[in-house]
Amino acid sequence: MIKKIQFVEPDILGFEVDGRVSEAAFINMMQELIPKMESPGNIKLYVEIPRYEGTDWEVVWHSLKFAIGKLKTYFSKVDKIALVTDKDWLRFLATAEYKLIPAIDEKSFEFSDKEEALEWIRK
């Protein structure tokens, strides 16, 4: 499941990933994300993952199609990404992945540091 996290700041888009990521949840998230990336100005992404139980293969396919077609264009609109999770392997993976996109400032946090993550994404 993916739920939108509401922020007062219009340039911050937040999501909570809890459990398994289904195709429907991914499509709903993209329906929130794409208009923000197509609007004027840059955005910041805030993602919390309290529990992760895998991803449906359809999501992997949609992600690959998105990455091939729009990744460079859309991610040039992202200034920052904050990831909050207690999963060490997810924090490691995110940090490694975003080293490939040096224009994005990414930082990963544990849930005990959630307030620090919120402060950081708002700067």
PDB file of N, CA and C in Angstrom:
ATOM      1  N   MET A   1       0.831  -1.174   0.000  1.00  0.00           N
ATOM      2  CA  MET A   1       0.000   0.000   0.000  1.00  0.00           C
ATOM      3  C   MET A   1       0.882   1.245   0.000  1.00  0.00           C
ATOM      4  N   ILE A   2       0.455   2.256  -0.736  1.00  0.00           N
ATOM      5  CA  ILE A   2       1.130   3.546  -0.750  1.00  0.00           C
ATOM      6  C   ILE A   2       0.083   4.600  -0.416  1.00  0.00           C
ATOM      7  N   LYS A   3       0.352   5.375   0.633  1.00  0.00           N
ATOM      8  CA  LYS A   3      -0.541   6.459   1.041  1.00  0.00           C
ATOM      9  C   LYS A   3       0.172   7.782   0.847  1.00  0.00           C
ATOM     10  N   LYS A   4      -0.584   8.781   0.449  1.00  0.00           N
ATOM     11  CA  LYS A   4      -0.029  10.130   0.336  1.00  0.00           C
ATOM     12  C   LYS A   4       0.090  10.731   1.733  1.00  0.00           C
ATOM     13  N   ILE A   5       1.200  11.387   1.988  1.00  0.00           N
ATOM     14  CA  ILE A   5       1.410  12.145   3.225  1.00  0.00           C
ATOM     15  C   ILE A   5       1.232  13.615   2.870  1.00  0.00           C
ATOM     16  N   GLN A   6       0.318  14.279   3.546  1.00  0.00           N
ATOM     17  CA  GLN A   6       0.034  15.683   3.264  1.00  0.00           C
ATOM     18  C   GLN A   6       1.085  16.596   3.884  1.00  0.00           C
ATOM     19  N   PHE A   7       1.537  17.553   3.110  1.00  0.00           N
ATOM     20  CA  PHE A   7       2.436  18.599   3.584  1.00  0.00           C
ATOM     21  C   PHE A   7       1.798  19.946   3.299  1.00  0.00           C
ATOM     22  N   VAL A   8       2.038  20.907   4.168  1.00  0.00           N
ATOM     23  CA  VAL A   8       1.556  22.266   3.962  1.00  0.00           C
ATOM     24  C   VAL A   8       2.319  22.901   2.793  1.00  0.00           C
ATOM     25  N   GLU A   9       3.603  22.598   2.708  1.00  0.00           N
ATOM     26  CA  GLU A   9       4.444  23.167   1.670  1.00  0.00           C
ATOM     27  C   GLU A   9       4.061  22.582   0.310  1.00  0.00           C
ATOM     28  N   PRO A  10       3.765  23.429  -0.676  1.00  0.00           N
ATOM     29  CA  PRO A  10       3.317  22.925  -1.978  1.00  0.00           C
ATOM     30  C   PRO A  10       4.411  22.233  -2.787  1.00  0.00           C
ATOM     31  N   ASP A  11       5.661  22.448  -2.426  1.00  0.00           N
ATOM     32  CA  ASP A  11       6.749  21.837  -3.194  1.00  0.00           C
ATOM     33  C   ASP A  11       7.202  20.494  -2.622  1.00  0.00           C
ATOM     34  N   ILE A  12       6.556  20.015  -1.554  1.00  0.00           N
ATOM     35  CA  ILE A  12       6.924  18.722  -0.961  1.00  0.00           C
ATOM     36  C   ILE A  12       5.798  17.721  -1.218  1.00  0.00           C
ATOM     37  N   LEU A  13       6.194  16.585  -1.778  1.00  0.00           N
ATOM     38  CA  LEU A  13       5.251  15.502  -2.025  1.00  0.00           C
ATOM     39  C   LEU A  13       5.696  14.317  -1.183  1.00  0.00           C
ATOM     40  N   GLY A  14       4.791  13.802  -0.364  1.00  0.00           N
ATOM     41  CA  GLY A  14       5.154  12.722   0.556  1.00  0.00           C
ATOM     42  C   GLY A  14       4.328  11.467   0.339  1.00  0.00           C
ATOM     43  N   PHE A  15       4.987  10.316   0.569  1.00  0.00           N
ATOM     44  CA  PHE A  15       4.323   9.025   0.454  1.00  0.00           C
ATOM     45  C   PHE A  15       4.777   8.104   1.578  1.00  0.00           C
ATOM     46  N   GLU A  16       3.855   7.244   2.016  1.00  0.00           N
ATOM     47  CA  GLU A  16       4.186   6.182   2.954  1.00  0.00           C
ATOM     48  C   GLU A  16       3.970   4.850   2.242  1.00  0.00           C
ATOM     49  N   VAL A  17       5.014   4.036   2.221  1.00  0.00           N
ATOM     50  CA  VAL A  17       4.939   2.697   1.638  1.00  0.00           C
ATOM     51  C   VAL A  17       4.864   1.725   2.804  1.00  0.00           C
ATOM     52  N   ASP A  18       3.748   0.995   2.891  1.00  0.00           N
ATOM     53  CA  ASP A  18       3.559   0.083   4.016  1.00  0.00           C
ATOM     54  C   ASP A  18       3.026  -1.251   3.495  1.00  0.00           C
ATOM     55  N   GLY A  19       3.888  -2.257   3.513  1.00  0.00           N
ATOM     56  CA  GLY A  19       3.480  -3.580   3.036  1.00  0.00           C
ATOM     57  C   GLY A  19       3.927  -3.815   1.614  1.00  0.00           C
ATOM     58  N   ARG A  20       3.086  -4.482   0.861  1.00  0.00           N
ATOM     59  CA  ARG A  20       3.395  -4.836  -0.528  1.00  0.00           C
ATOM     60  C   ARG A  20       2.967  -3.701  -1.458  1.00  0.00           C
ATOM     61  N   VAL A  21       3.769  -3.415  -2.470  1.00  0.00           N
ATOM     62  CA  VAL A  21       3.446  -2.377  -3.445  1.00  0.00           C
ATOM     63  C   VAL A  21       2.752  -3.036  -4.637  1.00  0.00           C
ATOM     64  N   SER A  22       1.469  -2.761  -4.773  1.00  0.00           N
ATOM     65  CA  SER A  22       0.677  -3.332  -5.867  1.00  0.00           C
ATOM     66  C   SER A  22       0.710  -2.407  -7.080  1.00  0.00           C
ATOM     67  N   GLU A  23       0.264  -2.939  -8.198  1.00  0.00           N
ATOM     68  CA  GLU A  23       0.185  -2.135  -9.419  1.00  0.00           C
ATOM     69  C   GLU A  23      -0.762  -0.946  -9.216  1.00  0.00           C
ATOM     70  N   ALA A  24      -1.911  -1.173  -8.603  1.00  0.00           N
ATOM     71  CA  ALA A  24      -2.884  -0.096  -8.378  1.00  0.00           C
ATOM     72  C   ALA A  24      -2.299   1.000  -7.487  1.00  0.00           C
ATOM     73  N   ALA A  25      -1.591   0.614  -6.432  1.00  0.00           N
ATOM     74  CA  ALA A  25      -0.979   1.598  -5.533  1.00  0.00           C
ATOM     75  C   ALA A  25       0.074   2.413  -6.272  1.00  0.00           C
ATOM     76  N   PHE A  26       0.867   1.756  -7.104  1.00  0.00           N
ATOM     77  CA  PHE A  26       1.905   2.441  -7.875  1.00  0.00           C
ATOM     78  C   PHE A  26       1.278   3.439  -8.847  1.00  0.00           C
ATOM     79  N   ILE A  27       0.225   3.020  -9.542  1.00  0.00           N
ATOM     80  CA  ILE A  27      -0.436   3.908 -10.496  1.00  0.00           C
ATOM     81  C   ILE A  27      -1.032   5.118  -9.775  1.00  0.00           C
ATOM     82  N   ASN A  28      -1.649   4.903  -8.617  1.00  0.00           N
ATOM     83  CA  ASN A  28      -2.191   6.024  -7.833  1.00  0.00           C
ATOM     84  C   ASN A  28      -1.086   6.994  -7.425  1.00  0.00           C
ATOM     85  N   MET A  29       0.066   6.459  -7.010  1.00  0.00           N
ATOM     86  CA  MET A  29       1.187   7.315  -6.632  1.00  0.00           C
ATOM     87  C   MET A  29       1.659   8.129  -7.834  1.00  0.00           C
ATOM     88  N   MET A  30       1.772   7.482  -8.988  1.00  0.00           N
ATOM     89  CA  MET A  30       2.233   8.181 -10.185  1.00  0.00           C
ATOM     90  C   MET A  30       1.248   9.264 -10.604  1.00  0.00           C
ATOM     91  N   GLN A  31      -0.047   9.051 -10.354  1.00  0.00           N
ATOM     92  CA  GLN A  31      -1.049  10.069 -10.680  1.00  0.00           C
ATOM     93  C   GLN A  31      -0.887  11.303  -9.801  1.00  0.00           C
ATOM     94  N   GLU A  32      -0.306  11.151  -8.644  1.00  0.00           N
ATOM     95  CA  GLU A  32       0.022  12.291  -7.779  1.00  0.00           C
ATOM     96  C   GLU A  32       1.354  12.926  -8.199  1.00  0.00           C
ATOM     97  N   LEU A  33       2.298  12.086  -8.533  1.00  0.00           N
ATOM     98  CA  LEU A  33       3.669  12.524  -8.800  1.00  0.00           C
ATOM     99  C   LEU A  33       3.829  13.224 -10.147  1.00  0.00           C
ATOM    100  N   ILE A  34       3.300  12.668 -11.198  1.00  0.00           N
ATOM    101  CA  ILE A  34       3.528  13.204 -12.547  1.00  0.00           C
ATOM    102  C   ILE A  34       3.024  14.645 -12.707  1.00  0.00           C
ATOM    103  N   PRO A  35       1.809  14.992 -12.270  1.00  0.00           N
ATOM    104  CA  PRO A  35       1.398  16.398 -12.411  1.00  0.00           C
ATOM    105  C   PRO A  35       2.332  17.368 -11.679  1.00  0.00           C
ATOM    106  N   LYS A  36       2.836  16.956 -10.508  1.00  0.00           N
ATOM    107  CA  LYS A  36       3.785  17.810  -9.777  1.00  0.00           C
ATOM    108  C   LYS A  36       5.061  18.004 -10.590  1.00  0.00           C
ATOM    109  N   MET A  37       5.512  16.940 -11.231  1.00  0.00           N
ATOM    110  CA  MET A  37       6.750  17.025 -12.003  1.00  0.00           C
ATOM    111  C   MET A  37       6.549  17.779 -13.316  1.00  0.00           C
ATOM    112  N   GLU A  38       5.323  17.875 -13.780  1.00  0.00           N
ATOM    113  CA  GLU A  38       5.048  18.601 -15.019  1.00  0.00           C
ATOM    114  C   GLU A  38       4.665  20.051 -14.771  1.00  0.00           C
ATOM    115  N   SER A  39       4.489  20.427 -13.510  1.00  0.00           N
ATOM    116  CA  SER A  39       4.138  21.807 -13.194  1.00  0.00           C
ATOM    117  C   SER A  39       5.419  22.638 -13.033  1.00  0.00           C
ATOM    118  N   PRO A  40       5.282  23.960 -13.086  1.00  0.00           N
ATOM    119  CA  PRO A  40       6.466  24.818 -12.928  1.00  0.00           C
ATOM    120  C   PRO A  40       7.102  24.641 -11.544  1.00  0.00           C
ATOM    121  N   GLY A  41       8.393  24.811 -11.484  1.00  0.00           N
ATOM    122  CA  GLY A  41       9.119  24.721 -10.220  1.00  0.00           C
ATOM    123  C   GLY A  41       9.567  23.309  -9.904  1.00  0.00           C
ATOM    124  N   ASN A  42      10.476  23.227  -8.972  1.00  0.00           N
ATOM    125  CA  ASN A  42      11.015  21.931  -8.555  1.00  0.00           C
ATOM    126  C   ASN A  42      10.279  21.425  -7.326  1.00  0.00           C
ATOM    127  N   ILE A  43      10.465  20.139  -7.039  1.00  0.00           N
ATOM    128  CA  ILE A  43       9.798  19.526  -5.896  1.00  0.00           C
ATOM    129  C   ILE A  43      10.804  18.794  -5.013  1.00  0.00           C
ATOM    130  N   LYS A  44      10.323  18.432  -3.840  1.00  0.00           N
ATOM    131  CA  LYS A  44      11.062  17.599  -2.894  1.00  0.00           C
ATOM    132  C   LYS A  44      10.184  16.389  -2.588  1.00  0.00           C
ATOM    133  N   LEU A  45      10.807  15.215  -2.475  1.00  0.00           N
ATOM    134  CA  LEU A  45      10.066  13.994  -2.160  1.00  0.00           C
ATOM    135  C   LEU A  45      10.424  13.513  -0.765  1.00  0.00           C
ATOM    136  N   TYR A  46       9.409  13.121  -0.018  1.00  0.00           N
ATOM    137  CA  TYR A  46       9.567  12.578   1.324  1.00  0.00           C
ATOM    138  C   TYR A  46       8.896  11.209   1.322  1.00  0.00           C
ATOM    139  N   VAL A  47       9.647  10.164   1.670  1.00  0.00           N
ATOM    140  CA  VAL A  47       9.116   8.800   1.623  1.00  0.00           C
ATOM    141  C   VAL A  47       9.379   8.100   2.952  1.00  0.00           C
ATOM    142  N   GLU A  48       8.329   7.549   3.542  1.00  0.00           N
ATOM    143  CA  GLU A  48       8.451   6.720   4.745  1.00  0.00           C
ATOM    144  C   GLU A  48       8.143   5.277   4.364  1.00  0.00           C
ATOM    145  N   ILE A  49       8.986   4.355   4.826  1.00  0.00           N
ATOM    146  CA  ILE A  49       8.735   2.930   4.601  1.00  0.00           C
ATOM    147  C   ILE A  49       8.816   2.208   5.941  1.00  0.00           C
ATOM    148  N   PRO A  50       7.678   2.127   6.659  1.00  0.00           N
ATOM    149  CA  PRO A  50       7.700   1.428   7.943  1.00  0.00           C
ATOM    150  C   PRO A  50       7.805  -0.089   7.773  1.00  0.00           C
ATOM    151  N   ARG A  51       7.177  -0.604   6.695  1.00  0.00           N
ATOM    152  CA  ARG A  51       7.151  -2.048   6.464  1.00  0.00           C
ATOM    153  C   ARG A  51       7.135  -2.270   4.962  1.00  0.00           C
ATOM    154  N   TYR A  52       8.033  -3.109   4.483  1.00  0.00           N
ATOM    155  CA  TYR A  52       8.096  -3.401   3.045  1.00  0.00           C
ATOM    156  C   TYR A  52       8.019  -4.905   2.848  1.00  0.00           C
ATOM    157  N   GLU A  53       7.042  -5.335   2.039  1.00  0.00           N
ATOM    158  CA  GLU A  53       6.834  -6.771   1.811  1.00  0.00           C
ATOM    159  C   GLU A  53       6.943  -7.143   0.341  1.00  0.00           C
ATOM    160  N   GLY A  54       7.628  -6.328  -0.428  1.00  0.00           N
ATOM    161  CA  GLY A  54       7.846  -6.654  -1.824  1.00  0.00           C
ATOM    162  C   GLY A  54       7.030  -5.803  -2.768  1.00  0.00           C
ATOM    163  N   THR A  55       7.247  -6.081  -4.046  1.00  0.00           N
ATOM    164  CA  THR A  55       6.631  -5.312  -5.119  1.00  0.00           C
ATOM    165  C   THR A  55       6.092  -6.267  -6.167  1.00  0.00           C
ATOM    166  N   ASP A  56       4.885  -6.008  -6.642  1.00  0.00           N
ATOM    167  CA  ASP A  56       4.331  -6.813  -7.732  1.00  0.00           C
ATOM    168  C   ASP A  56       5.145  -6.592  -9.000  1.00  0.00           C
ATOM    169  N   TRP A  57       5.261  -7.623  -9.833  1.00  0.00           N
ATOM    170  CA  TRP A  57       6.056  -7.531 -11.061  1.00  0.00           C
ATOM    171  C   TRP A  57       5.532  -6.465 -12.007  1.00  0.00           C
ATOM    172  N   GLU A  58       4.235  -6.221 -12.007  1.00  0.00           N
ATOM    173  CA  GLU A  58       3.677  -5.177 -12.867  1.00  0.00           C
ATOM    174  C   GLU A  58       4.253  -3.812 -12.510  1.00  0.00           C
ATOM    175  N   VAL A  59       4.533  -3.601 -11.230  1.00  0.00           N
ATOM    176  CA  VAL A  59       5.118  -2.341 -10.781  1.00  0.00           C
ATOM    177  C   VAL A  59       6.530  -2.203 -11.339  1.00  0.00           C
ATOM    178  N   VAL A  60       7.279  -3.287 -11.311  1.00  0.00           N
ATOM    179  CA  VAL A  60       8.630  -3.261 -11.855  1.00  0.00           C
ATOM    180  C   VAL A  60       8.573  -2.882 -13.332  1.00  0.00           C
ATOM    181  N   TRP A  61       7.651  -3.478 -14.071  1.00  0.00           N
ATOM    182  CA  TRP A  61       7.504  -3.184 -15.496  1.00  0.00           C
ATOM    183  C   TRP A  61       7.139  -1.714 -15.713  1.00  0.00           C
ATOM    184  N   HIS A  62       6.148  -1.199 -14.975  1.00  0.00           N
ATOM    185  CA  HIS A  62       5.755   0.216 -15.097  1.00  0.00           C
ATOM    186  C   HIS A  62       6.922   1.134 -14.728  1.00  0.00           C
ATOM    187  N   SER A  63       7.666   0.776 -13.705  1.00  0.00           N
ATOM    188  CA  SER A  63       8.816   1.585 -13.285  1.00  0.00           C
ATOM    189  C   SER A  63       9.866   1.655 -14.380  1.00  0.00           C
ATOM    190  N   LEU A  64      10.135   0.526 -15.004  1.00  0.00           N
ATOM    191  CA  LEU A  64      11.126   0.507 -16.084  1.00  0.00           C
ATOM    192  C   LEU A  64      10.666   1.348 -17.270  1.00  0.00           C
ATOM    193  N   LYS A  65       9.404   1.225 -17.647  1.00  0.00           N
ATOM    194  CA  LYS A  65       8.881   2.036 -18.756  1.00  0.00           C
ATOM    195  C   LYS A  65       8.982   3.523 -18.420  1.00  0.00           C
ATOM    196  N   PHE A  66       8.644   3.879 -17.198  1.00  0.00           N
ATOM    197  CA  PHE A  66       8.734   5.272 -16.759  1.00  0.00           C
ATOM    198  C   PHE A  66      10.179   5.750 -16.800  1.00  0.00           C
ATOM    199  N   ALA A  67      11.084   4.945 -16.279  1.00  0.00           N
ATOM    200  CA  ALA A  67      12.497   5.323 -16.223  1.00  0.00           C
ATOM    201  C   ALA A  67      13.065   5.530 -17.617  1.00  0.00           C
ATOM    202  N   ILE A  68      12.745   4.648 -18.526  1.00  0.00           N
ATOM    203  CA  ILE A  68      13.270   4.760 -19.886  1.00  0.00           C
ATOM    204  C   ILE A  68      12.708   6.002 -20.583  1.00  0.00           C
ATOM    205  N   GLY A  69      11.433   6.266 -20.385  1.00  0.00           N
ATOM    206  CA  GLY A  69      10.798   7.355 -21.111  1.00  0.00           C
ATOM    207  C   GLY A  69      10.944   8.735 -20.512  1.00  0.00           C
ATOM    208  N   LYS A  70      10.909   8.846 -19.200  1.00  0.00           N
ATOM    209  CA  LYS A  70      10.781  10.166 -18.586  1.00  0.00           C
ATOM    210  C   LYS A  70      11.769  10.466 -17.460  1.00  0.00           C
ATOM    211  N   LEU A  71      12.571   9.508 -17.076  1.00  0.00           N
ATOM    212  CA  LEU A  71      13.384   9.672 -15.875  1.00  0.00           C
ATOM    213  C   LEU A  71      14.218  10.945 -15.885  1.00  0.00           C
ATOM    214  N   LYS A  72      14.965  11.165 -16.934  1.00  0.00           N
ATOM    215  CA  LYS A  72      15.856  12.332 -16.967  1.00  0.00           C
ATOM    216  C   LYS A  72      15.059  13.629 -16.874  1.00  0.00           C
ATOM    217  N   THR A  73      13.978  13.713 -17.637  1.00  0.00           N
ATOM    218  CA  THR A  73      13.157  14.917 -17.634  1.00  0.00           C
ATOM    219  C   THR A  73      12.557  15.175 -16.259  1.00  0.00           C
ATOM    220  N   TYR A  74      11.946  14.144 -15.673  1.00  0.00           N
ATOM    221  CA  TYR A  74      11.267  14.326 -14.410  1.00  0.00           C
ATOM    222  C   TYR A  74      12.226  14.513 -13.243  1.00  0.00           C
ATOM    223  N   PHE A  75      13.269  13.724 -13.186  1.00  0.00           N
ATOM    224  CA  PHE A  75      14.145  13.843 -12.033  1.00  0.00           C
ATOM    225  C   PHE A  75      14.982  15.112 -12.044  1.00  0.00           C
ATOM    226  N   SER A  76      15.022  15.820 -13.164  1.00  0.00           N
ATOM    227  CA  SER A  76      15.659  17.129 -13.157  1.00  0.00           C
ATOM    228  C   SER A  76      14.802  18.120 -12.370  1.00  0.00           C
ATOM    229  N   LYS A  77      13.555  17.761 -12.088  1.00  0.00           N
ATOM    230  CA  LYS A  77      12.639  18.605 -11.314  1.00  0.00           C
ATOM    231  C   LYS A  77      12.698  18.327  -9.807  1.00  0.00           C
ATOM    232  N   VAL A  78      13.440  17.286  -9.402  1.00  0.00           N
ATOM    233  CA  VAL A  78      13.496  16.896  -7.991  1.00  0.00           C
ATOM    234  C   VAL A  78      14.770  17.460  -7.364  1.00  0.00           C
ATOM    235  N   ASP A  79      14.596  18.279  -6.330  1.00  0.00           N
ATOM    236  CA  ASP A  79      15.750  18.849  -5.618  1.00  0.00           C
ATOM    237  C   ASP A  79      16.268  17.928  -4.523  1.00  0.00           C
ATOM    238  N   LYS A  80      15.337  17.336  -3.766  1.00  0.00           N
ATOM    239  CA  LYS A  80      15.705  16.544  -2.593  1.00  0.00           C
ATOM    240  C   LYS A  80      14.792  15.337  -2.462  1.00  0.00           C
ATOM    241  N   ILE A  81      15.361  14.280  -1.874  1.00  0.00           N
ATOM    242  CA  ILE A  81      14.568  13.115  -1.501  1.00  0.00           C
ATOM    243  C   ILE A  81      14.986  12.706  -0.092  1.00  0.00           C
ATOM    244  N   ALA A  82      14.022  12.625   0.804  1.00  0.00           N
ATOM    245  CA  ALA A  82      14.262  12.125   2.157  1.00  0.00           C
ATOM    246  C   ALA A  82      13.580  10.764   2.281  1.00  0.00           C
ATOM    247  N   LEU A  83      14.337   9.768   2.676  1.00  0.00           N
ATOM    248  CA  LEU A  83      13.810   8.424   2.900  1.00  0.00           C
ATOM    249  C   LEU A  83      13.889   8.113   4.385  1.00  0.00           C
ATOM    250  N   VAL A  84      12.764   7.697   4.955  1.00  0.00           N
ATOM    251  CA  VAL A  84      12.714   7.337   6.371  1.00  0.00           C
ATOM    252  C   VAL A  84      12.324   5.867   6.469  1.00  0.00           C
ATOM    253  N   THR A  85      13.240   5.044   6.963  1.00  0.00           N
ATOM    254  CA  THR A  85      12.982   3.619   7.138  1.00  0.00           C
ATOM    255  C   THR A  85      13.994   3.045   8.118  1.00  0.00           C
ATOM    256  N   ASP A  86      13.593   2.005   8.799  1.00  0.00           N
ATOM    257  CA  ASP A  86      14.513   1.298   9.689  1.00  0.00           C
ATOM    258  C   ASP A  86      15.186   0.124   8.987  1.00  0.00           C
ATOM    259  N   LYS A  87      14.897  -0.044   7.711  1.00  0.00           N
ATOM    260  CA  LYS A  87      15.509  -1.118   6.930  1.00  0.00           C
ATOM    261  C   LYS A  87      16.870  -0.640   6.414  1.00  0.00           C
ATOM    262  N   ASP A  88      17.950  -1.188   6.981  1.00  0.00           N
ATOM    263  CA  ASP A  88      19.299  -0.795   6.565  1.00  0.00           C
ATOM    264  C   ASP A  88      19.507  -0.987   5.075  1.00  0.00           C
ATOM    265  N   TRP A  89      19.028  -2.096   4.539  1.00  0.00           N
ATOM    266  CA  TRP A  89      19.274  -2.396   3.133  1.00  0.00           C
ATOM    267  C   TRP A  89      18.568  -1.409   2.212  1.00  0.00           C
ATOM    268  N   LEU A  90      17.399  -0.877   2.618  1.00  0.00           N
ATOM    269  CA  LEU A  90      16.715   0.125   1.808  1.00  0.00           C
ATOM    270  C   LEU A  90      17.454   1.458   1.840  1.00  0.00           C
ATOM    271  N   ARG A  91      17.956   1.835   3.003  1.00  0.00           N
ATOM    272  CA  ARG A  91      18.738   3.075   3.096  1.00  0.00           C
ATOM    273  C   ARG A  91      20.007   2.969   2.258  1.00  0.00           C
ATOM    274  N   PHE A  92      20.683   1.813   2.323  1.00  0.00           N
ATOM    275  CA  PHE A  92      21.897   1.598   1.528  1.00  0.00           C
ATOM    276  C   PHE A  92      21.584   1.664   0.037  1.00  0.00           C
ATOM    277  N   LEU A  93      20.524   0.977  -0.382  1.00  0.00           N
ATOM    278  CA  LEU A  93      20.143   0.948  -1.788  1.00  0.00           C
ATOM    279  C   LEU A  93      19.802   2.346  -2.301  1.00  0.00           C
ATOM    280  N   ALA A  94      19.043   3.105  -1.527  1.00  0.00           N
ATOM    281  CA  ALA A  94      18.669   4.462  -1.934  1.00  0.00           C
ATOM    282  C   ALA A  94      19.896   5.351  -2.074  1.00  0.00           C
ATOM    283  N   THR A  95      20.785   5.282  -1.112  1.00  0.00           N
ATOM    284  CA  THR A  95      22.000   6.096  -1.178  1.00  0.00           C
ATOM    285  C   THR A  95      22.831   5.731  -2.398  1.00  0.00           C
ATOM    286  N   ALA A  96      22.979   4.442  -2.668  1.00  0.00           N
ATOM    287  CA  ALA A  96      23.750   3.994  -3.835  1.00  0.00           C
ATOM    288  C   ALA A  96      23.073   4.428  -5.133  1.00  0.00           C
ATOM    289  N   GLU A  97      21.755   4.288  -5.194  1.00  0.00           N
ATOM    290  CA  GLU A  97      21.012   4.645  -6.407  1.00  0.00           C
ATOM    291  C   GLU A  97      21.140   6.126  -6.720  1.00  0.00           C
ATOM    292  N   TYR A  98      21.023   6.965  -5.706  1.00  0.00           N
ATOM    293  CA  TYR A  98      21.039   8.405  -5.953  1.00  0.00           C
ATOM    294  C   TYR A  98      22.439   8.964  -6.135  1.00  0.00           C
ATOM    295  N   LYS A  99      23.451   8.185  -5.887  1.00  0.00           N
ATOM    296  CA  LYS A  99      24.796   8.593  -6.270  1.00  0.00           C
ATOM    297  C   LYS A  99      24.920   8.626  -7.791  1.00  0.00           C
ATOM    298  N   LEU A 100      24.066   7.869  -8.480  1.00  0.00           N
ATOM    299  CA  LEU A 100      24.043   7.869  -9.937  1.00  0.00           C
ATOM    300  C   LEU A 100      23.340   9.108 -10.499  1.00  0.00           C
ATOM    301  N   ILE A 101      22.615   9.818  -9.639  1.00  0.00           N
ATOM    302  CA  ILE A 101      21.914  11.045 -10.037  1.00  0.00           C
ATOM    303  C   ILE A 101      22.403  12.168  -9.115  1.00  0.00           C
ATOM    304  N   PRO A 102      23.607  12.682  -9.366  1.00  0.00           N
ATOM    305  CA  PRO A 102      24.206  13.630  -8.422  1.00  0.00           C
ATOM    306  C   PRO A 102      23.460  14.955  -8.267  1.00  0.00           C
ATOM    307  N   ALA A 103      22.562  15.286  -9.188  1.00  0.00           N
ATOM    308  CA  ALA A 103      21.823  16.538  -9.073  1.00  0.00           C
ATOM    309  C   ALA A 103      20.782  16.501  -7.955  1.00  0.00           C
ATOM    310  N   ILE A 104      20.421  15.292  -7.481  1.00  0.00           N
ATOM    311  CA  ILE A 104      19.418  15.156  -6.426  1.00  0.00           C
ATOM    312  C   ILE A 104      20.121  14.968  -5.088  1.00  0.00           C
ATOM    313  N   ASP A 105      19.719  15.781  -4.134  1.00  0.00           N
ATOM    314  CA  ASP A 105      20.248  15.672  -2.771  1.00  0.00           C
ATOM    315  C   ASP A 105      19.379  14.663  -2.025  1.00  0.00           C
ATOM    316  N   GLU A 106      19.931  13.477  -1.751  1.00  0.00           N
ATOM    317  CA  GLU A 106      19.188  12.412  -1.076  1.00  0.00           C
ATOM    318  C   GLU A 106      19.799  12.157   0.285  1.00  0.00           C
ATOM    319  N   LYS A 107      18.916  11.925   1.253  1.00  0.00           N
ATOM    320  CA  LYS A 107      19.388  11.580   2.585  1.00  0.00           C
ATOM    321  C   LYS A 107      18.416  10.572   3.182  1.00  0.00           C
ATOM    322  N   SER A 108      18.972   9.539   3.829  1.00  0.00           N
ATOM    323  CA  SER A 108      18.158   8.496   4.447  1.00  0.00           C
ATOM    324  C   SER A 108      18.222   8.613   5.959  1.00  0.00           C
ATOM    325  N   PHE A 109      17.097   8.321   6.605  1.00  0.00           N
ATOM    326  CA  PHE A 109      16.959   8.459   8.045  1.00  0.00           C
ATOM    327  C   PHE A 109      16.288   7.227   8.628  1.00  0.00           C
ATOM    328  N   GLU A 110      16.565   6.924   9.884  1.00  0.00           N
ATOM    329  CA  GLU A 110      15.825   5.917  10.634  1.00  0.00           C
ATOM    330  C   GLU A 110      14.574   6.596  11.199  1.00  0.00           C
ATOM    331  N   PHE A 111      13.579   5.793  11.584  1.00  0.00           N
ATOM    332  CA  PHE A 111      12.356   6.377  12.135  1.00  0.00           C
ATOM    333  C   PHE A 111      12.616   7.156  13.423  1.00  0.00           C
ATOM    334  N   SER A 112      13.628   6.783  14.161  1.00  0.00           N
ATOM    335  CA  SER A 112      13.954   7.546  15.379  1.00  0.00           C
ATOM    336  C   SER A 112      14.423   8.961  15.033  1.00  0.00           C
ATOM    337  N   ASP A 113      14.796   9.192  13.772  1.00  0.00           N
ATOM    338  CA  ASP A 113      15.250  10.505  13.315  1.00  0.00           C
ATOM    339  C   ASP A 113      14.239  11.167  12.374  1.00  0.00           C
ATOM    340  N   LYS A 114      12.986  10.765  12.478  1.00  0.00           N
ATOM    341  CA  LYS A 114      11.947  11.275  11.583  1.00  0.00           C
ATOM    342  C   LYS A 114      11.819  12.800  11.647  1.00  0.00           C
ATOM    343  N   GLU A 115      11.881  13.374  12.835  1.00  0.00           N
ATOM    344  CA  GLU A 115      11.766  14.829  12.964  1.00  0.00           C
ATOM    345  C   GLU A 115      12.919  15.532  12.248  1.00  0.00           C
ATOM    346  N   GLU A 116      14.102  14.951  12.334  1.00  0.00           N
ATOM    347  CA  GLU A 116      15.258  15.495  11.617  1.00  0.00           C
ATOM    348  C   GLU A 116      15.020  15.417  10.104  1.00  0.00           C
ATOM    349  N   ALA A 117      14.438  14.321   9.638  1.00  0.00           N
ATOM    350  CA  ALA A 117      14.141  14.156   8.211  1.00  0.00           C
ATOM    351  C   ALA A 117      13.139  15.213   7.746  1.00  0.00           C
ATOM    352  N   LEU A 118      12.114  15.446   8.543  1.00  0.00           N
ATOM    353  CA  LEU A 118      11.110  16.460   8.193  1.00  0.00           C
ATOM    354  C   LEU A 118      11.725  17.858   8.163  1.00  0.00           C
ATOM    355  N   GLU A 119      12.573  18.141   9.115  1.00  0.00           N
ATOM    356  CA  GLU A 119      13.264  19.434   9.138  1.00  0.00           C
ATOM    357  C   GLU A 119      14.159  19.578   7.908  1.00  0.00           C
ATOM    358  N   TRP A 120      14.890  18.515   7.576  1.00  0.00           N
ATOM    359  CA  TRP A 120      15.813  18.549   6.449  1.00  0.00           C
ATOM    360  C   TRP A 120      15.077  18.756   5.125  1.00  0.00           C
ATOM    361  N   ILE A 121      13.963  18.064   4.915  1.00  0.00           N
ATOM    362  CA  ILE A 121      13.248  18.174   3.634  1.00  0.00           C
ATOM    363  C   ILE A 121      12.615  19.556   3.490  1.00  0.00           C
ATOM    364  N   ARG A 122      12.306  20.201   4.603  1.00  0.00           N
ATOM    365  CA  ARG A 122      11.668  21.520   4.555  1.00  0.00           C
ATOM    366  C   ARG A 122      12.658  22.665   4.307  1.00  0.00           C
ATOM    367  N   LYS A 123      13.944  22.406   4.469  1.00  0.00           N
ATOM    368  CA  LYS A 123      14.948  23.474   4.253  1.00  0.00           C
ATOM    369  C   LYS A 123      15.074  23.799   2.796  1.00  0.00           C
TER     370      LYS A 123
END
